[in-house]
Amino acid sequence: MAVYVDDLKSYPLAKWRHGKACHMIADTIAELKNFAISIGMRDEWFQPKSSPHFDLTEELRTKAVAAGAIELNRREFVIKLQELRARNWS
């Protein structure tokens, strides 16, 4: 099982005020939540709708990668999401 992060991106039109951000997903939701908590995130930051994920600031992305998250470019990340959706991950 693994945890994945995509590339940092600016979201100038969104109400995101924390600079660049990215997404973090995992092979299972339990693994995703456990990993997020292990790097200092809060469970209530979990976003279950559409594709279960966490939004990460640049600092949290750095922590995630240092803790073993796999970096994927945008295309690889979309492919991984499609794979997880097809598997109906839980």
N, C-alpha and C. Protein backbone atom coordinates (compact mmCIF):
# COMPACT_ATOMS: atom_id res chain seq x y z
N MET A 1 0.83 -1.18 0.00
CA MET A 1 0.00 0.00 0.00
C MET A 1 0.88 1.24 0.00
N ALA A 2 0.31 2.33 -0.52
CA ALA A 2 1.13 3.54 -0.65
C ALA A 2 0.27 4.80 -0.54
N VAL A 3 0.98 5.90 -0.29
CA VAL A 3 0.39 7.24 -0.25
C VAL A 3 1.03 8.04 -1.37
N TYR A 4 0.23 8.90 -2.02
CA TYR A 4 0.70 9.64 -3.19
C TYR A 4 0.39 11.13 -3.04
N VAL A 5 1.28 11.97 -3.57
CA VAL A 5 1.04 13.41 -3.65
C VAL A 5 1.28 13.86 -5.09
N ASP A 6 0.51 14.86 -5.50
CA ASP A 6 0.72 15.41 -6.84
C ASP A 6 1.56 16.68 -6.75
N ASP A 7 1.74 17.33 -7.89
CA ASP A 7 2.57 18.54 -7.96
C ASP A 7 1.89 19.72 -7.25
N LEU A 8 2.71 20.59 -6.70
CA LEU A 8 2.20 21.83 -6.11
C LEU A 8 1.64 22.72 -7.21
N LYS A 9 0.57 23.43 -6.88
CA LYS A 9 -0.08 24.30 -7.86
C LYS A 9 -0.66 25.51 -7.13
N SER A 10 -0.65 26.65 -7.80
CA SER A 10 -1.29 27.85 -7.26
C SER A 10 -2.77 27.80 -7.60
N TYR A 11 -3.60 28.27 -6.68
CA TYR A 11 -5.05 28.32 -6.89
C TYR A 11 -5.52 29.75 -6.66
N PRO A 12 -5.21 30.66 -7.59
CA PRO A 12 -5.50 32.09 -7.38
C PRO A 12 -6.99 32.43 -7.30
N LEU A 13 -7.85 31.66 -7.95
CA LEU A 13 -9.28 31.97 -7.93
C LEU A 13 -10.02 31.28 -6.79
N ALA A 14 -9.39 30.32 -6.17
CA ALA A 14 -10.01 29.63 -5.04
C ALA A 14 -9.83 30.45 -3.77
N LYS A 15 -10.54 30.08 -2.75
CA LYS A 15 -10.41 30.78 -1.47
C LYS A 15 -9.27 30.20 -0.63
N TRP A 16 -8.38 29.50 -1.25
CA TRP A 16 -7.22 28.91 -0.59
C TRP A 16 -6.20 30.01 -0.36
N ARG A 17 -5.83 30.26 0.87
CA ARG A 17 -4.95 31.38 1.20
C ARG A 17 -3.59 30.95 1.75
N HIS A 18 -3.24 29.71 1.52
CA HIS A 18 -2.02 29.17 2.10
C HIS A 18 -0.90 28.97 1.09
N GLY A 19 -0.91 29.68 -0.02
CA GLY A 19 0.11 29.52 -1.04
C GLY A 19 -0.17 28.32 -1.93
N LYS A 20 0.87 27.76 -2.50
CA LYS A 20 0.71 26.60 -3.38
C LYS A 20 0.21 25.41 -2.56
N ALA A 21 -0.49 24.53 -3.27
CA ALA A 21 -1.06 23.35 -2.61
C ALA A 21 -1.03 22.15 -3.53
N CYS A 22 -1.27 20.99 -2.95
CA CYS A 22 -1.38 19.76 -3.73
C CYS A 22 -2.38 18.85 -3.03
N HIS A 23 -2.54 17.66 -3.59
CA HIS A 23 -3.48 16.67 -3.05
C HIS A 23 -2.71 15.45 -2.58
N MET A 24 -3.27 14.78 -1.59
CA MET A 24 -2.69 13.53 -1.11
C MET A 24 -3.78 12.46 -1.09
N ILE A 25 -3.49 11.32 -1.71
CA ILE A 25 -4.39 10.18 -1.75
C ILE A 25 -3.60 8.95 -1.32
N ALA A 26 -4.30 7.84 -1.13
CA ALA A 26 -3.62 6.60 -0.77
C ALA A 26 -4.43 5.42 -1.30
N ASP A 27 -3.82 4.24 -1.22
CA ASP A 27 -4.48 3.04 -1.71
C ASP A 27 -5.74 2.70 -0.91
N THR A 28 -5.76 3.09 0.37
CA THR A 28 -6.96 2.91 1.19
C THR A 28 -7.21 4.19 1.99
N ILE A 29 -8.46 4.40 2.33
CA ILE A 29 -8.80 5.58 3.12
C ILE A 29 -8.18 5.49 4.52
N ALA A 30 -8.18 4.31 5.10
CA ALA A 30 -7.57 4.14 6.43
C ALA A 30 -6.10 4.51 6.40
N GLU A 31 -5.40 4.05 5.38
CA GLU A 31 -3.98 4.38 5.24
C GLU A 31 -3.79 5.88 5.04
N LEU A 32 -4.64 6.48 4.25
CA LEU A 32 -4.56 7.92 4.00
C LEU A 32 -4.72 8.70 5.30
N LYS A 33 -5.74 8.38 6.07
CA LYS A 33 -5.99 9.09 7.32
C LYS A 33 -4.86 8.87 8.34
N ASN A 34 -4.41 7.64 8.47
CA ASN A 34 -3.31 7.35 9.40
C ASN A 34 -2.05 8.11 9.02
N PHE A 35 -1.75 8.13 7.75
CA PHE A 35 -0.55 8.82 7.27
C PHE A 35 -0.68 10.32 7.52
N ALA A 36 -1.85 10.87 7.20
CA ALA A 36 -2.08 12.31 7.41
C ALA A 36 -1.88 12.70 8.87
N ILE A 37 -2.44 11.92 9.76
CA ILE A 37 -2.29 12.21 11.19
C ILE A 37 -0.83 12.09 11.61
N SER A 38 -0.11 11.14 11.03
CA SER A 38 1.30 10.94 11.39
C SER A 38 2.19 12.12 10.98
N ILE A 39 1.74 12.93 10.00
CA ILE A 39 2.53 14.09 9.59
C ILE A 39 1.96 15.40 10.15
N GLY A 40 1.03 15.27 11.10
CA GLY A 40 0.53 16.45 11.79
C GLY A 40 -0.76 17.04 11.28
N MET A 41 -1.46 16.31 10.43
CA MET A 41 -2.74 16.81 9.92
C MET A 41 -3.86 16.37 10.86
N ARG A 42 -5.03 16.96 10.67
CA ARG A 42 -6.18 16.62 11.49
C ARG A 42 -7.18 15.82 10.65
N ASP A 43 -7.81 14.86 11.30
CA ASP A 43 -8.78 14.00 10.62
C ASP A 43 -9.90 14.81 9.97
N GLU A 44 -10.30 15.91 10.60
CA GLU A 44 -11.40 16.70 10.04
C GLU A 44 -11.03 17.43 8.75
N TRP A 45 -9.76 17.43 8.39
CA TRP A 45 -9.34 18.03 7.12
C TRP A 45 -9.55 17.08 5.94
N PHE A 46 -9.91 15.84 6.23
CA PHE A 46 -10.17 14.85 5.20
C PHE A 46 -11.35 15.29 4.34
N GLN A 47 -11.22 15.11 3.03
CA GLN A 47 -12.27 15.49 2.08
C GLN A 47 -12.79 14.23 1.39
N PRO A 48 -13.93 13.70 1.86
CA PRO A 48 -14.42 12.42 1.35
C PRO A 48 -15.16 12.49 0.02
N LYS A 49 -15.62 13.64 -0.37
CA LYS A 49 -16.43 13.72 -1.59
C LYS A 49 -15.57 13.64 -2.83
N SER A 50 -16.17 13.24 -3.91
CA SER A 50 -15.53 13.06 -5.21
C SER A 50 -14.41 12.03 -5.08
N SER A 51 -13.21 12.45 -4.85
CA SER A 51 -12.09 11.52 -4.63
C SER A 51 -11.55 11.78 -3.23
N PRO A 52 -11.64 10.80 -2.34
CA PRO A 52 -11.17 11.00 -0.97
C PRO A 52 -9.71 11.46 -0.96
N HIS A 53 -9.46 12.61 -0.31
CA HIS A 53 -8.11 13.17 -0.32
C HIS A 53 -7.94 14.19 0.81
N PHE A 54 -6.71 14.64 0.96
CA PHE A 54 -6.37 15.78 1.80
C PHE A 54 -5.71 16.81 0.90
N ASP A 55 -5.95 18.08 1.17
CA ASP A 55 -5.20 19.16 0.53
C ASP A 55 -3.99 19.44 1.40
N LEU A 56 -2.84 19.62 0.76
CA LEU A 56 -1.60 19.87 1.50
C LEU A 56 -0.99 21.20 1.11
N THR A 57 -0.48 21.90 2.10
CA THR A 57 0.34 23.08 1.84
C THR A 57 1.71 22.60 1.38
N GLU A 58 2.54 23.52 0.95
CA GLU A 58 3.90 23.15 0.53
C GLU A 58 4.66 22.50 1.67
N GLU A 59 4.51 23.04 2.88
CA GLU A 59 5.19 22.48 4.06
C GLU A 59 4.73 21.06 4.35
N LEU A 60 3.42 20.82 4.30
CA LEU A 60 2.91 19.48 4.56
C LEU A 60 3.30 18.51 3.45
N ARG A 61 3.39 18.98 2.23
CA ARG A 61 3.84 18.11 1.14
C ARG A 61 5.27 17.66 1.40
N THR A 62 6.11 18.59 1.83
CA THR A 62 7.50 18.25 2.16
C THR A 62 7.55 17.19 3.25
N LYS A 63 6.72 17.34 4.29
CA LYS A 63 6.66 16.35 5.37
C LYS A 63 6.17 14.99 4.84
N ALA A 64 5.17 15.02 3.97
CA ALA A 64 4.63 13.78 3.42
C ALA A 64 5.69 13.02 2.62
N VAL A 65 6.40 13.73 1.78
CA VAL A 65 7.45 13.09 0.96
C VAL A 65 8.56 12.54 1.86
N ALA A 66 8.94 13.31 2.87
CA ALA A 66 9.97 12.84 3.81
C ALA A 66 9.52 11.59 4.55
N ALA A 67 8.21 11.46 4.76
CA ALA A 67 7.67 10.30 5.47
C ALA A 67 7.37 9.13 4.55
N GLY A 68 7.61 9.30 3.24
CA GLY A 68 7.48 8.18 2.31
C GLY A 68 6.41 8.29 1.24
N ALA A 69 5.71 9.41 1.17
CA ALA A 69 4.71 9.57 0.11
C ALA A 69 5.40 9.56 -1.26
N ILE A 70 4.74 8.99 -2.22
CA ILE A 70 5.28 8.89 -3.58
C ILE A 70 4.82 10.11 -4.38
N GLU A 71 5.78 10.78 -5.00
CA GLU A 71 5.48 11.96 -5.80
C GLU A 71 5.06 11.53 -7.21
N LEU A 72 3.91 12.04 -7.64
CA LEU A 72 3.41 11.77 -8.99
C LEU A 72 3.17 13.10 -9.70
N ASN A 73 3.47 13.13 -10.99
CA ASN A 73 3.12 14.34 -11.74
C ASN A 73 1.61 14.33 -11.98
N ARG A 74 1.08 15.38 -12.55
CA ARG A 74 -0.37 15.51 -12.71
C ARG A 74 -0.97 14.33 -13.48
N ARG A 75 -0.33 13.95 -14.56
CA ARG A 75 -0.84 12.84 -15.38
C ARG A 75 -0.83 11.53 -14.60
N GLU A 76 0.27 11.23 -13.93
CA GLU A 76 0.37 10.00 -13.14
C GLU A 76 -0.66 9.99 -12.01
N PHE A 77 -0.89 11.16 -11.42
CA PHE A 77 -1.84 11.27 -10.33
C PHE A 77 -3.27 10.96 -10.81
N VAL A 78 -3.62 11.49 -11.97
CA VAL A 78 -4.95 11.23 -12.54
C VAL A 78 -5.12 9.74 -12.85
N ILE A 79 -4.09 9.12 -13.39
CA ILE A 79 -4.13 7.68 -13.67
C ILE A 79 -4.34 6.90 -12.38
N LYS A 80 -3.62 7.28 -11.32
CA LYS A 80 -3.76 6.60 -10.02
C LYS A 80 -5.18 6.78 -9.48
N LEU A 81 -5.74 7.99 -9.59
CA LEU A 81 -7.12 8.23 -9.15
C LEU A 81 -8.10 7.34 -9.91
N GLN A 82 -7.91 7.23 -11.21
CA GLN A 82 -8.80 6.39 -12.02
C GLN A 82 -8.71 4.93 -11.58
N GLU A 83 -7.49 4.49 -11.30
CA GLU A 83 -7.27 3.12 -10.83
C GLU A 83 -7.99 2.89 -9.49
N LEU A 84 -7.86 3.83 -8.57
CA LEU A 84 -8.49 3.70 -7.26
C LEU A 84 -10.01 3.73 -7.37
N ARG A 85 -10.54 4.60 -8.21
CA ARG A 85 -11.99 4.67 -8.42
C ARG A 85 -12.52 3.36 -9.00
N ALA A 86 -11.80 2.80 -9.97
CA ALA A 86 -12.22 1.55 -10.59
C ALA A 86 -12.23 0.41 -9.57
N ARG A 87 -11.32 0.50 -8.63
CA ARG A 87 -11.24 -0.51 -7.56
C ARG A 87 -12.25 -0.22 -6.47
N ASN A 88 -12.87 0.99 -6.54
CA ASN A 88 -13.85 1.43 -5.54
C ASN A 88 -13.24 1.39 -4.14
N TRP A 89 -12.12 2.12 -4.01
CA TRP A 89 -11.37 2.05 -2.77
C TRP A 89 -12.17 2.51 -1.57
N SER A 90 -11.81 1.93 -0.42
CA SER A 90 -12.52 2.25 0.82
C SER A 90 -11.55 2.28 1.98
